[in-house]
Amino acid sequence: MSILEQVEIAINQRSVDKGVLLRVAGGRVSCAIATRVIRHFMYRLQSPLNNSIKQYYSVQVFRSMARLDLPTFEDPAVQRQTEAAWSTTGQSSVAWDTINMVAGLISTAIRLISQVSVSTVVSAGDNARPPNPQLFTCFSGLDPYQYSLQPT
């Protein structure tokens, strides 16, 4: 029995199946707990992983700078390039920002696929009416960076 059928029964008969209601509530609570645990571990892993990435690329940039001869090193174009690669003014490295962006894209794709599959299943069960446009916008209030690896 789908949740929409449960809502319809609750409205028409003024009764609720307590078992289904408890399963839905338990699922929501367990998802919230799992989200908190995952965010905690991501927050704990972010700093050491980012520092390791920065250290690795700092060694690489230093080695490439050490191989330059003096006239090449003094060239303003080369200095601009090495300063751009060496820059550690940001809180995170370019590699970490890339990892963060890929994780955001994956979570967005998973969310999109799950929303489309749910709306397709709900729409397929109701052939008399066209699909409800609110099904496609039900999660529009979510923050697109909700699953970002950055601490919130």
Protein backbone atom coordinates (compact mmCIF):
# COMPACT_ATOMS: atom_id res chain seq x y z
CA MET A 1 0.00 0.00 0.00
CA SER A 2 1.50 3.34 -1.02
CA ILE A 3 1.73 6.44 1.12
CA LEU A 4 -0.72 8.24 -1.16
CA GLU A 5 -3.28 5.51 -0.50
CA GLN A 6 -2.61 5.88 3.23
CA VAL A 7 -3.22 9.63 3.01
CA GLU A 8 -6.44 9.04 1.07
CA ILE A 9 -7.69 6.54 3.68
CA ALA A 10 -6.73 8.93 6.49
CA ILE A 11 -8.70 11.75 4.88
CA ASN A 12 -11.76 9.72 3.92
CA GLN A 13 -12.08 7.33 6.87
CA ARG A 14 -10.27 9.35 9.53
CA SER A 15 -8.15 6.35 10.47
CA VAL A 16 -4.45 5.63 10.11
CA ASP A 17 -2.62 2.33 9.87
CA LYS A 18 -0.27 2.63 12.84
CA GLY A 19 2.15 0.01 11.53
CA VAL A 20 2.75 1.89 8.29
CA LEU A 21 2.96 5.19 10.13
CA LEU A 22 5.58 3.81 12.52
CA ARG A 23 7.61 2.31 9.66
CA VAL A 24 7.60 5.63 7.80
CA ALA A 25 8.54 7.56 10.94
CA GLY A 26 11.25 5.02 11.78
CA GLY A 27 12.63 5.26 8.26
CA ARG A 28 12.77 9.03 8.45
CA VAL A 29 14.51 8.94 11.83
CA SER A 30 17.01 6.32 10.68
CA CYS A 31 17.78 8.35 7.54
CA ALA A 32 18.35 11.47 9.65
CA ILE A 33 20.67 9.55 11.99
CA ALA A 34 22.57 8.02 9.07
CA THR A 35 22.98 11.47 7.51
CA ARG A 36 24.37 12.89 10.76
CA VAL A 37 26.82 10.00 11.17
CA ILE A 38 28.05 10.28 7.58
CA ARG A 39 28.48 14.06 7.89
CA HIS A 40 30.40 13.59 11.15
CA PHE A 41 32.83 11.13 9.55
CA MET A 42 33.21 13.33 6.49
CA TYR A 43 33.98 16.31 8.71
CA ARG A 44 36.55 14.28 10.65
CA LEU A 45 38.22 13.03 7.46
CA GLN A 46 38.19 16.35 5.61
CA SER A 47 41.07 18.08 7.36
CA PRO A 48 43.63 15.22 7.30
CA LEU A 49 42.76 14.34 3.72
CA ASN A 50 42.96 17.95 2.55
CA ASN A 51 46.30 18.46 4.36
CA SER A 52 47.68 15.31 2.76
CA ILE A 53 46.63 16.51 -0.69
CA LYS A 54 48.18 19.94 -0.06
CA GLN A 55 51.43 18.38 1.15
CA TYR A 56 51.66 16.10 -1.87
CA TYR A 57 51.15 18.93 -4.36
CA SER A 58 53.47 21.27 -2.43
CA VAL A 59 56.28 18.73 -2.81
CA GLN A 60 55.49 18.38 -6.52
CA VAL A 61 55.54 22.15 -7.07
CA PHE A 62 58.76 22.52 -5.06
CA ARG A 63 60.48 19.81 -7.14
CA SER A 64 59.39 21.45 -10.38
CA MET A 65 60.62 24.85 -9.15
CA ALA A 66 63.97 23.33 -8.10
CA ARG A 67 64.51 22.02 -11.65
CA LEU A 68 64.20 25.50 -13.17
CA ASP A 69 67.34 27.39 -14.13
CA LEU A 70 67.77 31.01 -13.01
CA PRO A 71 66.73 32.80 -16.27
CA THR A 72 63.60 30.64 -16.55
CA PHE A 73 62.81 31.09 -12.87
CA GLU A 74 63.06 34.89 -13.16
CA ASP A 75 60.69 35.00 -16.14
CA PRO A 76 57.48 36.82 -14.98
CA ALA A 77 55.21 34.39 -16.84
CA VAL A 78 56.83 31.41 -15.13
CA GLN A 79 56.64 33.17 -11.75
CA ARG A 80 52.92 33.82 -12.21
CA GLN A 81 52.34 30.17 -13.05
CA THR A 82 54.32 28.90 -10.08
CA GLU A 83 52.61 31.37 -7.72
CA ALA A 84 49.22 30.21 -8.97
CA ALA A 85 50.19 26.57 -8.43
CA TRP A 86 51.86 27.26 -5.07
CA SER A 87 49.06 29.42 -3.71
CA THR A 88 47.74 28.05 -0.44
CA THR A 89 45.66 31.07 0.52
CA GLY A 90 42.43 29.10 0.22
CA GLN A 91 41.06 26.82 2.87
CA SER A 92 41.20 23.81 0.57
CA SER A 93 43.21 22.62 -2.38
CA VAL A 94 42.01 22.40 -5.96
CA ALA A 95 42.06 18.61 -5.75
CA TRP A 96 39.86 18.68 -2.63
CA ASP A 97 37.46 21.11 -4.30
CA THR A 98 37.26 18.69 -7.24
CA ILE A 99 36.49 15.76 -4.93
CA ASN A 100 33.83 17.87 -3.23
CA MET A 101 32.28 18.85 -6.56
CA VAL A 102 32.19 15.22 -7.81
CA ALA A 103 30.56 14.08 -4.56
CA GLY A 104 27.95 16.83 -4.96
CA LEU A 105 27.26 15.77 -8.55
CA ILE A 106 26.87 12.13 -7.53
CA SER A 107 24.47 12.98 -4.70
CA THR A 108 22.45 15.23 -7.02
CA ALA A 109 22.25 12.47 -9.62
CA ILE A 110 21.11 9.95 -7.00
CA ARG A 111 18.49 12.37 -5.70
CA LEU A 112 17.26 13.10 -9.25
CA ILE A 113 17.04 9.42 -10.18
CA SER A 114 15.17 8.55 -6.99
CA GLN A 115 12.70 11.42 -7.42
CA VAL A 116 12.01 10.56 -11.05
CA SER A 117 11.59 6.86 -10.24
CA VAL A 118 9.15 7.61 -7.40
CA SER A 119 7.13 9.99 -9.58
CA THR A 120 7.10 7.43 -12.40
CA VAL A 121 5.84 4.68 -10.09
CA VAL A 122 3.16 6.95 -8.64
CA SER A 123 2.13 8.18 -12.08
CA ALA A 124 2.02 4.67 -13.53
CA GLY A 125 -0.47 3.58 -10.88
CA ASP A 126 -2.84 6.39 -11.80
CA ASN A 127 -3.55 6.11 -15.54
CA ALA A 128 -6.72 8.18 -15.40
CA ARG A 129 -4.96 11.45 -14.57
CA PRO A 130 -1.79 13.07 -15.91
CA PRO A 131 1.17 13.12 -13.50
CA ASN A 132 0.95 15.62 -10.72
CA PRO A 133 3.44 18.43 -11.42
CA GLN A 134 3.99 18.87 -7.68
CA LEU A 135 5.68 15.48 -7.58
CA PHE A 136 8.54 16.89 -9.63
CA THR A 137 8.97 19.91 -7.39
CA CYS A 138 8.39 18.35 -3.98
CA PHE A 139 12.08 18.54 -3.08
CA SER A 140 12.72 21.98 -4.56
CA GLY A 141 13.26 23.42 -1.09
CA LEU A 142 16.36 21.29 -0.51
CA ASP A 143 19.72 22.99 -0.50
CA PRO A 144 21.66 21.84 -3.59
CA TYR A 145 24.84 21.73 -1.49
CA GLN A 146 23.24 19.71 1.31
CA TYR A 147 25.52 16.77 0.65
CA SER A 148 28.66 18.84 0.28
CA LEU A 149 31.76 17.54 2.00
CA GLN A 150 32.35 20.96 3.54
CA PRO A 151 31.34 21.20 7.22
CA THR A 152 28.02 22.86 7.90
